[in-house]
C-alpha atoms as a PDB file:
ATOM      1  CA  MET A   1      16.839  32.985  27.349  1.00  0.00           C
ATOM      2  CA  GLU A   2      13.734  31.225  25.768  1.00  0.00           C
ATOM      3  CA  ILE A   3      14.230  28.432  23.360  1.00  0.00           C
ATOM      4  CA  GLU A   4      11.945  28.849  20.421  1.00  0.00           C
ATOM      5  CA  VAL A   5      10.124  25.615  19.696  1.00  0.00           C
ATOM      6  CA  PRO A   6       9.064  25.308  15.915  1.00  0.00           C
ATOM      7  CA  SER A   7       5.296  24.965  15.401  1.00  0.00           C
ATOM      8  CA  PRO A   8       4.077  21.498  13.819  1.00  0.00           C
ATOM      9  CA  SER A   9       3.640  23.148  10.435  1.00  0.00           C
ATOM     10  CA  GLN A  10       7.186  24.597  10.655  1.00  0.00           C
ATOM     11  CA  GLU A  11       8.657  21.219  11.616  1.00  0.00           C
ATOM     12  CA  PHE A  12       6.759  19.680   8.725  1.00  0.00           C
ATOM     13  CA  ASP A  13       7.957  22.261   6.171  1.00  0.00           C
ATOM     14  CA  ALA A  14      11.423  21.683   7.500  1.00  0.00           C
ATOM     15  CA  LEU A  15      11.243  17.830   7.084  1.00  0.00           C
ATOM     16  CA  VAL A  16       9.980  18.202   3.509  1.00  0.00           C
ATOM     17  CA  ASP A  17      12.681  20.760   2.675  1.00  0.00           C
ATOM     18  CA  GLN A  18      15.338  18.433   4.114  1.00  0.00           C
ATOM     19  CA  HIS A  19      14.290  15.120   2.913  1.00  0.00           C
ATOM     20  CA  TYR A  20      12.056  15.409  -0.271  1.00  0.00           C
ATOM     21  CA  ARG A  21      14.833  14.964  -2.801  1.00  0.00           C
ATOM     22  CA  ALA A  22      16.378  12.069  -0.906  1.00  0.00           C
ATOM     23  CA  LEU A  23      13.038  10.329  -0.643  1.00  0.00           C
ATOM     24  CA  PHE A  24      12.158  10.895  -4.148  1.00  0.00           C
ATOM     25  CA  SER A  25      15.441   9.519  -5.299  1.00  0.00           C
ATOM     26  CA  PHE A  26      14.870   6.413  -3.214  1.00  0.00           C
ATOM     27  CA  GLY A  27      11.314   6.068  -4.411  1.00  0.00           C
ATOM     28  CA  HIS A  28      12.510   6.304  -8.067  1.00  0.00           C
ATOM     29  CA  SER A  29      15.162   3.732  -7.475  1.00  0.00           C
ATOM     30  CA  LEU A  30      12.456   1.353  -6.093  1.00  0.00           C
ATOM     31  CA  THR A  31       9.912   2.082  -8.855  1.00  0.00           C
ATOM     32  CA  GLY A  32      11.856   3.256 -11.851  1.00  0.00           C
ATOM     33  CA  ASN A  33       8.955   5.736 -12.435  1.00  0.00           C
ATOM     34  CA  GLU A  34       8.976   9.455 -11.457  1.00  0.00           C
ATOM     35  CA  HIS A  35       5.165   9.686 -11.085  1.00  0.00           C
ATOM     36  CA  THR A  36       5.056   6.723  -8.682  1.00  0.00           C
ATOM     37  CA  ALA A  37       8.015   7.943  -6.861  1.00  0.00           C
ATOM     38  CA  ALA A  38       6.330  11.208  -6.342  1.00  0.00           C
ATOM     39  CA  ASP A  39       3.122   9.480  -5.093  1.00  0.00           C
ATOM     40  CA  LEU A  40       5.191   7.475  -2.763  1.00  0.00           C
ATOM     41  CA  VAL A  41       6.779  10.478  -1.246  1.00  0.00           C
ATOM     42  CA  GLN A  42       3.505  12.289  -0.969  1.00  0.00           C
ATOM     43  CA  GLN A  43       1.930   9.169   0.841  1.00  0.00           C
ATOM     44  CA  THR A  44       5.000   9.272   3.157  1.00  0.00           C
ATOM     45  CA  PHE A  45       4.605  12.782   4.189  1.00  0.00           C
ATOM     46  CA  PHE A  46       0.862  12.269   4.601  1.00  0.00           C
ATOM     47  CA  ARG A  47       1.596   9.421   7.080  1.00  0.00           C
ATOM     48  CA  TRP A  48       4.034  11.770   8.846  1.00  0.00           C
ATOM     49  CA  ALA A  49       1.214  14.439   9.127  1.00  0.00           C
ATOM     50  CA  GLU A  50      -0.971  11.696  10.662  1.00  0.00           C
ATOM     51  CA  LYS A  51       1.476   9.968  12.907  1.00  0.00           C
ATOM     52  CA  GLY A  52       4.796  11.817  13.003  1.00  0.00           C
ATOM     53  CA  SER A  53       3.741  13.505  16.412  1.00  0.00           C
ATOM     54  CA  GLN A  54       4.044   9.991  17.980  1.00  0.00           C
ATOM     55  CA  LEU A  55       7.728   9.748  17.264  1.00  0.00           C
ATOM     56  CA  ARG A  56       9.455  10.599  20.654  1.00  0.00           C
ATOM     57  CA  ASP A  57      13.080  10.826  19.263  1.00  0.00           C
ATOM     58  CA  ARG A  58      13.037  13.409  16.537  1.00  0.00           C
ATOM     59  CA  THR A  59      16.519  12.455  15.561  1.00  0.00           C
ATOM     60  CA  LYS A  60      14.992   9.321  14.022  1.00  0.00           C
ATOM     61  CA  ALA A  61      12.657  11.212  11.645  1.00  0.00           C
ATOM     62  CA  LYS A  62      14.794  10.537   8.591  1.00  0.00           C
ATOM     63  CA  THR A  63      14.751   6.781   9.300  1.00  0.00           C
ATOM     64  CA  TRP A  64      10.987   6.932   9.964  1.00  0.00           C
ATOM     65  CA  LEU A  65      10.386   8.585   6.713  1.00  0.00           C
ATOM     66  CA  PHE A  66      12.511   6.178   4.558  1.00  0.00           C
ATOM     67  CA  THR A  67      10.897   3.135   6.487  1.00  0.00           C
ATOM     68  CA  THR A  68       7.509   4.507   5.777  1.00  0.00           C
ATOM     69  CA  LEU A  69       8.287   5.007   2.027  1.00  0.00           C
ATOM     70  CA  HIS A  70       9.614   1.472   1.774  1.00  0.00           C
ATOM     71  CA  ARG A  71       6.488   0.173   3.497  1.00  0.00           C
ATOM     72  CA  GLU A  72       4.189   2.058   1.227  1.00  0.00           C
ATOM     73  CA  PHE A  73       6.089   0.660  -1.764  1.00  0.00           C
ATOM     74  CA  LEU A  74       5.730  -2.801  -0.533  1.00  0.00           C
ATOM     75  CA  GLN A  75       2.031  -2.416   0.236  1.00  0.00           C
ATOM     76  CA  GLY A  76       1.624  -1.093  -3.381  1.00  0.00           C
ATOM     77  CA  LEU A  77       3.333  -4.210  -4.679  1.00  0.00           C
ATOM     78  CA  ARG A  78       1.020  -6.455  -2.629  1.00  0.00           C
ATOM     79  CA  ARG A  79      -2.015  -4.495  -3.846  1.00  0.00           C
ATOM     80  CA  GLU A  80      -0.940  -4.932  -7.545  1.00  0.00           C
ATOM     81  CA  GLN A  81      -0.294  -8.674  -7.009  1.00  0.00           C
ATOM     82  CA  ARG A  82      -3.702  -9.224  -5.550  1.00  0.00           C
ATOM     83  CA  LEU A  83      -5.339  -7.304  -8.519  1.00  0.00           C
ATOM     84  CA  VAL A  84      -3.342  -9.422 -10.996  1.00  0.00           C
ATOM     85  CA  GLU A  85      -4.393 -12.564  -9.260  1.00  0.00           C
ATOM     86  CA  PHE A  86      -8.019 -11.277  -9.047  1.00  0.00           C
ATOM     87  CA  ASP A  87      -8.128 -10.242 -12.668  1.00  0.00           C
ATOM     88  CA  ASN A  88      -6.411 -13.486 -14.026  1.00  0.00           C
ATOM     89  CA  GLN A  89      -6.009 -12.114 -17.394  1.00  0.00           C
ATOM     90  CA  GLU A  90      -2.934 -11.630 -19.624  1.00  0.00           C
ATOM     91  CA  GLU A  91      -0.735  -8.867 -18.601  1.00  0.00           C
ATOM     92  CA  LEU A  92      -1.167  -5.687 -20.716  1.00  0.00           C
ATOM     93  CA  PRO A  93       2.105  -4.064 -21.916  1.00  0.00           C
ATOM     94  CA  ASP A  94       2.961  -1.121 -19.785  1.00  0.00           C
ATOM     95  CA  GLU A  95       3.616   1.588 -22.482  1.00  0.00           C
ATOM     96  CA  ARG A  96       4.739   4.075 -19.907  1.00  0.00           C
ATOM     97  CA  ARG A  97       7.380   1.783 -18.498  1.00  0.00           C
ATOM     98  CA  ALA A  98       8.675   1.060 -21.923  1.00  0.00           C
ATOM     99  CA  ALA A  99       8.860   4.739 -22.836  1.00  0.00           C
ATOM    100  CA  ALA A 100      10.633   5.568 -19.551  1.00  0.00           C
ATOM    101  CA  ILE A 101      13.211   2.707 -20.216  1.00  0.00           C
ATOM    102  CA  GLU A 102      13.881   4.013 -23.635  1.00  0.00           C
ATOM    103  CA  ALA A 103      14.589   7.547 -22.320  1.00  0.00           C
ATOM    104  CA  VAL A 104      16.625   6.216 -19.418  1.00  0.00           C
ATOM    105  CA  GLU A 105      18.943   4.329 -21.652  1.00  0.00           C
ATOM    106  CA  ALA A 106      20.103   7.519 -23.403  1.00  0.00           C
ATOM    107  CA  LEU A 107      22.024   8.574 -20.180  1.00  0.00           C
ATOM    108  CA  ASP A 108      24.626   6.535 -18.239  1.00  0.00           C
ATOM    109  CA  ALA A 109      23.472   7.472 -14.685  1.00  0.00           C
ATOM    110  CA  GLU A 110      19.920   6.806 -15.714  1.00  0.00           C
ATOM    111  CA  ALA A 111      20.879   3.481 -17.423  1.00  0.00           C
ATOM    112  CA  VAL A 112      22.232   2.504 -13.889  1.00  0.00           C
ATOM    113  CA  THR A 113      19.013   3.473 -12.380  1.00  0.00           C
ATOM    114  CA  SER A 114      17.103   1.581 -14.856  1.00  0.00           C
ATOM    115  CA  ALA A 115      19.248  -1.569 -14.502  1.00  0.00           C
ATOM    116  CA  LEU A 116      18.806  -1.092 -10.717  1.00  0.00           C
ATOM    117  CA  ALA A 117      14.986  -1.153 -11.165  1.00  0.00           C
ATOM    118  CA  GLU A 118      15.251  -4.634 -12.957  1.00  0.00           C
ATOM    119  CA  ILE A 119      17.041  -6.428 -10.162  1.00  0.00           C
ATOM    120  CA  GLU A 120      15.161  -8.040  -7.291  1.00  0.00           C
ATOM    121  CA  GLU A 121      13.767  -5.784  -4.676  1.00  0.00           C
ATOM    122  CA  VAL A 122      15.658  -7.681  -1.894  1.00  0.00           C
ATOM    123  CA  PHE A 123      18.808  -6.346  -3.429  1.00  0.00           C
ATOM    124  CA  ARG A 124      17.595  -3.018  -5.050  1.00  0.00           C
ATOM    125  CA  VAL A 125      16.376  -1.541  -1.705  1.00  0.00           C
ATOM    126  CA  PRO A 126      19.781  -1.802   0.206  1.00  0.00           C
ATOM    127  CA  LEU A 127      21.729  -0.582  -2.887  1.00  0.00           C
ATOM    128  CA  GLY A 128      19.466   2.307  -3.242  1.00  0.00           C
ATOM    129  CA  LEU A 129      19.784   3.075   0.393  1.00  0.00           C
ATOM    130  CA  PHE A 130      23.630   2.683   0.554  1.00  0.00           C
ATOM    131  CA  TYR A 131      24.612   4.233  -2.848  1.00  0.00           C
ATOM    132  CA  LEU A 132      21.814   6.667  -3.590  1.00  0.00           C
ATOM    133  CA  GLN A 133      20.937   7.925  -0.029  1.00  0.00           C
ATOM    134  CA  GLU A 134      24.325   7.217   1.589  1.00  0.00           C
ATOM    135  CA  PHE A 135      22.871   5.372   4.574  1.00  0.00           C
ATOM    136  CA  ALA A 136      25.412   3.516   6.737  1.00  0.00           C
ATOM    137  CA  TYR A 137      25.172  -0.336   7.171  1.00  0.00           C
ATOM    138  CA  ALA A 138      23.702  -0.042  10.620  1.00  0.00           C
ATOM    139  CA  GLU A 139      20.951   2.480   9.399  1.00  0.00           C
ATOM    140  CA  ILE A 140      19.947   0.206   6.563  1.00  0.00           C
ATOM    141  CA  ALA A 141      19.757  -2.794   9.017  1.00  0.00           C
ATOM    142  CA  GLU A 142      17.588  -0.762  11.421  1.00  0.00           C
ATOM    143  CA  LEU A 143      15.395   0.568   8.553  1.00  0.00           C
ATOM    144  CA  LEU A 144      14.862  -2.945   7.036  1.00  0.00           C
ATOM    145  CA  ASP A 145      14.927  -4.766  10.362  1.00  0.00           C
ATOM    146  CA  ILE A 146      17.645  -7.193   9.226  1.00  0.00           C
ATOM    147  CA  PRO A 147      21.163  -7.921  10.697  1.00  0.00           C
ATOM    148  CA  VAL A 148      24.066  -5.827   9.463  1.00  0.00           C
ATOM    149  CA  GLY A 149      25.703  -8.925   8.058  1.00  0.00           C
ATOM    150  CA  THR A 150      22.587  -9.437   5.830  1.00  0.00           C
ATOM    151  CA  VAL A 151      22.817  -5.919   4.622  1.00  0.00           C
ATOM    152  CA  MET A 152      26.498  -6.423   3.612  1.00  0.00           C
ATOM    153  CA  SER A 153      25.589  -9.795   1.883  1.00  0.00           C
ATOM    154  CA  ARG A 154      22.780  -8.255  -0.058  1.00  0.00           C
ATOM    155  CA  LEU A 155      24.804  -5.228  -1.156  1.00  0.00           C
ATOM    156  CA  SER A 156      27.521  -7.547  -2.487  1.00  0.00           C
ATOM    157  CA  ARG A 157      25.041  -9.818  -4.305  1.00  0.00           C
ATOM    158  CA  GLY A 158      22.997  -6.860  -5.498  1.00  0.00           C
ATOM    159  CA  LYS A 159      26.254  -5.207  -6.995  1.00  0.00           C
ATOM    160  CA  ASP A 160      26.995  -8.466  -8.810  1.00  0.00           C
ATOM    161  CA  ARG A 161      23.389  -8.622 -10.211  1.00  0.00           C
ATOM    162  CA  LEU A 162      23.605  -5.001 -11.092  1.00  0.00           C
ATOM    163  CA  ARG A 163      26.971  -5.442 -12.917  1.00  0.00           C
ATOM    164  CA  GLN A 164      25.612  -8.392 -14.860  1.00  0.00           C
ATOM    165  CA  ARG A 165      22.570  -6.235 -16.005  1.00  0.00           C
ATOM    166  CA  LEU A 166      24.880  -3.446 -17.145  1.00  0.00           C
ATOM    167  CA  LEU A 167      27.190  -5.742 -18.946  1.00  0.00           C
ATOM    168  CA  ALA A 168      24.242  -7.543 -20.660  1.00  0.00           C
ATOM    169  CA  ARG A 169      23.001  -4.086 -21.725  1.00  0.00           C
ATOM    170  CA  ARG A 170      26.441  -2.964 -23.155  1.00  0.00           C
ATOM    171  CA  SER A 171      26.898  -6.232 -25.008  1.00  0.00           C
ATOM    172  CA  SER A 172      23.460  -5.987 -26.589  1.00  0.00           C
ATOM    173  CA  VAL A 173      24.076  -2.475 -27.746  1.00  0.00           C
ATOM    174  CA  ALA A 174      27.392  -3.415 -29.047  1.00  0.00           C
ATOM    175  CA  ALA A 175      25.918  -6.418 -30.973  1.00  0.00           C
ATOM    176  CA  THR A 176      23.287  -4.314 -32.575  1.00  0.00           C
ATOM    177  CA  PRO A 177      24.363  -3.713 -36.257  1.00  0.00           C
ATOM    178  CA  LEU A 178      24.501  -0.003 -37.376  1.00  0.00           C
ATOM    179  CA  PRO A 179      22.122   0.857 -40.273  1.00  0.00           C
ATOM    180  CA  PRO A 180      23.814   1.303 -43.678  1.00  0.00           C
ATOM    181  CA  ARG A 181      25.151   4.756 -44.412  1.00  0.00           C
ATOM    182  CA  LYS A 182      23.274   6.675 -46.930  1.00  0.00           C
ATOM    183  CA  GLU A 183      25.417   7.410 -49.938  1.00  0.00           C
ATOM    184  CA  ALA A 184      25.805  11.104 -50.686  1.00  0.00           C
ATOM    185  CA  ARG A 185      24.375  12.046 -54.115  1.00  0.00           C
ATOM    186  CA  ARG A 186      26.864  13.751 -56.481  1.00  0.00           C
ATOM    187  CA  GLY A 187      25.249  16.124 -58.651  1.00  0.00           C
END
């Protein structure tokens, strides 16, 4: 009996089908922006097309993809920081981000994602991997190249920061006065 080995293009298609949504969700949790998240996922699969054949243990493909997406995200942040330092001008308001935040606040699950995007990356990444992608502590430790204890600590601190953000949002919404009601005209 012959074992059918998938072609590289079949393997690539299978990886995309299997991991696209999870990678997009992780990218969105990092960036808070759908377009940037889609770009990160596309760049991740591009890197796989270039270098994926070098991975000897195919069971590690998921970890490789998430690690690559995270590295692409960090590389983009470094690039942005260099541009800001080089430009040395006042920051321009990011209208797209403001519009996205307004839309996100309309839904509870998306409010959490928005609050998650506001906390420091060092906490946001483990939270996204653990709660959104359902990675185990050991997998997160391997992916981020940190000890398991550090993962647990960052998750705990990250949850505290996320809770504070959500409570602050809730209290600011509750403190906002309602506009006066319009009186109905009687005719």
